[in-house]
Structure formats: structure tokens, C-alpha cells
Amino acid sequence: MTEFDGGASGDPAGPRELSSPRRPDLAAMIAPLARALMSAELPVLDKHGLTMWAYAVLLGLDRGPARGQGVLAQEIGADKTRIIPVLDDLQQRGLIERRPDPADRRARVLALTARGRALRDAAQADIQAKEEILLSRLDADDRRGLLNSLIVLSALPREEIVGRDGPTPP
């Protein structure tokens, strides 16, 4: 296994992999892994009657009610026009509800229903069971370090990663 020394070598050019002159860029490592993980999730989501965007909505609403479709779309990285049919389907199936926003009666607050929460939990449990196979390749310390690092990095505001004037996602 290739190990990264985290810069412990004291190399003034920065941290290096132990067996390579340079480490790959984060996106070069993460993007193929993310695509493979999403491909592995698709049959699980299909079994639960969910699309990837529907699952993203259910996960996004886990943080609590969202003030409007635009806010939710931004939080999950979706185009707000693309998300409307997903929200319509989830509402029609009783998985989310849209309520008038008390602060602005023209707007809607989106929230998970008990059914939506149960479906999200079941799908997430099945996805994480499949992830366990991959994570089992790591020893306990590396696994804990990976998961903790991903939690910290994924919680960063997008602007902190790309800058305030950074490009919008494709």
C-alpha cells in the first residue's frame, strides 16, 4: 500500500508519498472513487424506489426543514429547476411535505415525513453496509482517520474550497 508521510520527511517542497515523488491531486483520487461509490449505490437506491437526487433530498432534509426549494437545491448542489420534479414525486409519495413558510406565505418550507425518514434510514443503512466492505480494507486507525477527515472536509462551505468567485458545479 502506498503511504503518505504527511510531510514528516521535512521536504521543503511539501508532503510526499513515501513511494512516489508526488501525491495525486485530491480530485484525481476522490472523483473516481466517488463515481464508483455512486455506481454501487444505484442498485441499493433502486431497491428502495429512490433516485440519487431523491436520496440527496432526503439526506439534505435530515438537517431539518429547508426554507424553500432554492435553498435546498443549493445545499445539495442541484439545479433548482431540476429538483422540482423530484420534490413533486417525493411529496406525492408522502416522503416529504411542503408547508407555507410562516415568515413568507408565498414560500414553502420543506420537511421529511416519518415515512420519508424511515425510507432514508433504510436506504442509508443498506448503503453503509456495502461501504463496510470497502472500509474493511483499512485498519481501525486509518478508517477512523479517513471518516473523521471526510466529515471535516465535507462540512466546509463550498466558497472556502473554490473561493467566492469560484465556478458553479456542472
Protein backbone atom coordinates (compact mmCIF):
# COMPACT_ATOMS: atom_id res chain seq x y z
CA MET A 1 0.00 0.00 0.00
CA THR A 2 1.23 3.48 -0.79
CA GLU A 3 1.53 5.59 2.29
CA PHE A 4 1.61 9.33 2.58
CA ASP A 5 4.03 10.66 5.14
CA GLY A 6 2.01 13.82 5.79
CA GLY A 7 5.08 15.99 5.29
CA ALA A 8 7.04 14.30 8.07
CA SER A 9 10.03 13.95 5.75
CA GLY A 10 10.73 17.67 6.12
CA ASP A 11 10.90 18.10 2.34
CA PRO A 12 10.70 21.89 1.67
CA ALA A 13 8.67 21.15 -1.48
CA GLY A 14 5.89 19.83 0.72
CA PRO A 15 4.44 16.49 1.77
CA ARG A 16 5.20 13.47 -0.41
CA GLU A 17 4.07 9.89 -0.77
CA LEU A 18 6.75 7.57 0.55
CA SER A 19 7.00 5.62 -2.72
CA SER A 20 6.34 8.43 -5.21
CA PRO A 21 7.84 11.84 -5.96
CA ARG A 22 4.36 13.45 -5.78
CA ARG A 23 0.95 12.53 -4.44
CA PRO A 24 -2.07 12.69 -6.77
CA ASP A 25 -4.39 15.70 -6.52
CA LEU A 26 -7.34 15.23 -4.19
CA ALA A 27 -9.87 15.43 -7.04
CA ALA A 28 -7.87 12.87 -9.03
CA MET A 29 -8.18 10.46 -6.12
CA ILE A 30 -11.68 11.31 -4.91
CA ALA A 31 -13.58 11.69 -8.22
CA PRO A 32 -13.08 8.10 -9.48
CA LEU A 33 -13.81 6.76 -6.00
CA ALA A 34 -16.96 8.90 -5.74
CA ARG A 35 -18.17 7.72 -9.17
CA ALA A 36 -17.59 4.09 -8.18
CA LEU A 37 -19.38 4.59 -4.84
CA MET A 38 -22.36 6.21 -6.58
CA SER A 39 -22.49 3.31 -9.06
CA ALA A 40 -22.51 0.90 -6.12
CA GLU A 41 -25.34 2.89 -4.51
CA LEU A 42 -27.63 2.87 -7.56
CA PRO A 43 -28.94 -0.71 -7.15
CA VAL A 44 -29.49 -0.09 -3.43
CA LEU A 45 -31.42 3.10 -4.12
CA ASP A 46 -33.39 1.37 -6.87
CA LYS A 47 -34.36 -1.37 -4.40
CA HIS A 48 -35.77 1.38 -2.16
CA GLY A 49 -37.52 3.17 -5.05
CA LEU A 50 -35.21 6.19 -4.93
CA THR A 51 -33.13 8.06 -7.47
CA MET A 52 -29.80 9.56 -6.49
CA TRP A 53 -31.38 13.07 -6.40
CA ALA A 54 -34.32 11.84 -4.31
CA TYR A 55 -31.87 10.32 -1.83
CA ALA A 56 -29.86 13.56 -1.81
CA VAL A 57 -33.06 15.47 -0.97
CA LEU A 58 -33.92 13.08 1.87
CA LEU A 59 -30.38 13.40 3.24
CA GLY A 60 -30.46 17.19 2.81
CA LEU A 61 -33.69 17.46 4.80
CA ASP A 62 -32.11 15.41 7.60
CA ARG A 63 -30.63 18.65 8.94
CA GLY A 64 -34.15 19.94 9.47
CA PRO A 65 -36.74 21.76 7.40
CA ALA A 66 -35.41 23.76 4.45
CA ARG A 67 -36.68 27.21 3.66
CA GLY A 68 -37.63 26.71 0.05
CA GLN A 69 -36.65 24.68 -2.96
CA GLY A 70 -33.87 27.08 -3.94
CA VAL A 71 -32.18 26.82 -0.55
CA LEU A 72 -32.38 23.02 -0.56
CA ALA A 73 -31.13 22.83 -4.16
CA GLN A 74 -28.14 24.98 -3.24
CA GLU A 75 -27.40 22.88 -0.14
CA ILE A 76 -27.37 19.60 -2.08
CA GLY A 77 -25.66 21.02 -5.18
CA ALA A 78 -28.64 20.65 -7.51
CA ASP A 79 -30.12 23.00 -10.06
CA LYS A 80 -33.36 24.30 -8.55
CA THR A 81 -35.31 23.68 -11.77
CA ARG A 82 -34.08 20.07 -11.85
CA ILE A 83 -35.12 19.42 -8.27
CA ILE A 84 -38.80 20.44 -8.66
CA PRO A 85 -39.97 17.15 -10.25
CA VAL A 86 -38.00 15.22 -7.61
CA LEU A 87 -39.74 17.19 -4.85
CA ASP A 88 -43.13 16.70 -6.54
CA ASP A 89 -42.57 12.92 -6.64
CA LEU A 90 -41.38 12.74 -3.02
CA GLN A 91 -44.35 14.80 -1.86
CA GLN A 92 -46.81 12.71 -3.86
CA ARG A 93 -45.36 9.56 -2.24
CA GLY A 94 -45.74 11.07 1.24
CA LEU A 95 -41.99 11.22 1.88
CA ILE A 96 -41.71 15.00 2.25
CA GLU A 97 -44.15 17.79 2.91
CA ARG A 98 -44.28 21.38 1.74
CA ARG A 99 -45.80 23.80 4.20
CA PRO A 100 -46.32 27.53 3.90
CA ASP A 101 -43.39 29.44 5.38
CA PRO A 102 -44.70 31.41 8.38
CA ALA A 103 -42.24 34.20 7.54
CA ASP A 104 -43.34 34.39 3.88
CA ARG A 105 -46.66 32.76 2.95
CA ARG A 106 -45.63 32.68 -0.75
CA ALA A 107 -42.68 30.39 0.06
CA ARG A 108 -42.74 26.78 1.18
CA VAL A 109 -40.82 25.03 3.96
CA LEU A 110 -39.75 21.50 3.03
CA ALA A 111 -39.59 18.76 5.67
CA LEU A 112 -39.23 15.00 5.89
CA THR A 113 -42.27 12.99 6.91
CA ALA A 114 -41.95 9.98 9.21
CA ARG A 115 -42.24 7.77 6.10
CA GLY A 116 -39.51 9.75 4.36
CA ARG A 117 -37.24 9.49 7.39
CA ALA A 118 -37.81 5.71 7.62
CA LEU A 119 -37.07 5.22 3.92
CA ARG A 120 -33.97 7.40 4.11
CA ASP A 121 -32.74 5.46 7.16
CA ALA A 122 -33.32 2.09 5.47
CA ALA A 123 -31.55 3.15 2.25
CA GLN A 124 -28.67 4.67 4.19
CA ALA A 125 -28.26 1.54 6.31
CA ASP A 126 -28.06 -0.63 3.17
CA ILE A 127 -25.59 1.76 1.51
CA GLN A 128 -23.40 1.87 4.59
CA ALA A 129 -23.46 -1.94 4.84
CA LYS A 130 -21.96 -2.05 1.32
CA GLU A 131 -19.44 0.63 2.31
CA GLU A 132 -18.31 -1.58 5.18
CA ILE A 133 -16.82 -3.99 2.63
CA LEU A 134 -14.62 -1.20 1.27
CA LEU A 135 -13.78 0.26 4.68
CA SER A 136 -12.79 -3.17 6.00
CA ARG A 137 -9.63 -2.85 3.88
CA LEU A 138 -8.40 -0.21 6.32
CA ASP A 139 -7.11 -0.83 9.80
CA ALA A 140 -9.11 0.77 12.62
CA ASP A 141 -6.91 3.87 12.96
CA ASP A 142 -6.84 4.57 9.20
CA ARG A 143 -10.58 4.01 8.96
CA ARG A 144 -11.30 6.40 11.84
CA GLY A 145 -8.89 8.96 10.35
CA LEU A 146 -10.46 8.71 6.89
CA LEU A 147 -14.02 9.08 8.16
CA ASN A 148 -13.14 11.94 10.51
CA SER A 149 -11.24 13.75 7.74
CA LEU A 150 -14.11 13.33 5.28
CA ILE A 151 -16.59 14.65 7.86
CA VAL A 152 -14.45 17.76 8.42
CA LEU A 153 -13.72 18.42 4.73
CA SER A 154 -17.26 17.75 3.52
CA ALA A 155 -18.62 20.23 6.08
CA LEU A 156 -16.53 23.10 4.67
CA PRO A 157 -18.53 25.74 2.85
CA ARG A 158 -18.09 25.45 -0.92
CA GLU A 159 -16.74 29.02 -1.04
CA GLU A 160 -13.91 28.03 1.29
CA ILE A 161 -12.77 25.41 -1.21
CA VAL A 162 -13.29 27.18 -4.56
CA GLY A 163 -13.25 30.81 -3.43
CA ARG A 164 -16.11 33.28 -3.52
CA ASP A 165 -15.91 33.68 -7.30
CA GLY A 166 -15.34 30.00 -8.00
CA PRO A 167 -17.20 28.21 -10.76
CA THR A 168 -20.59 26.69 -10.15
CA PRO A 169 -20.81 22.90 -10.29
CA PRO A 170 -21.63 21.31 -13.67
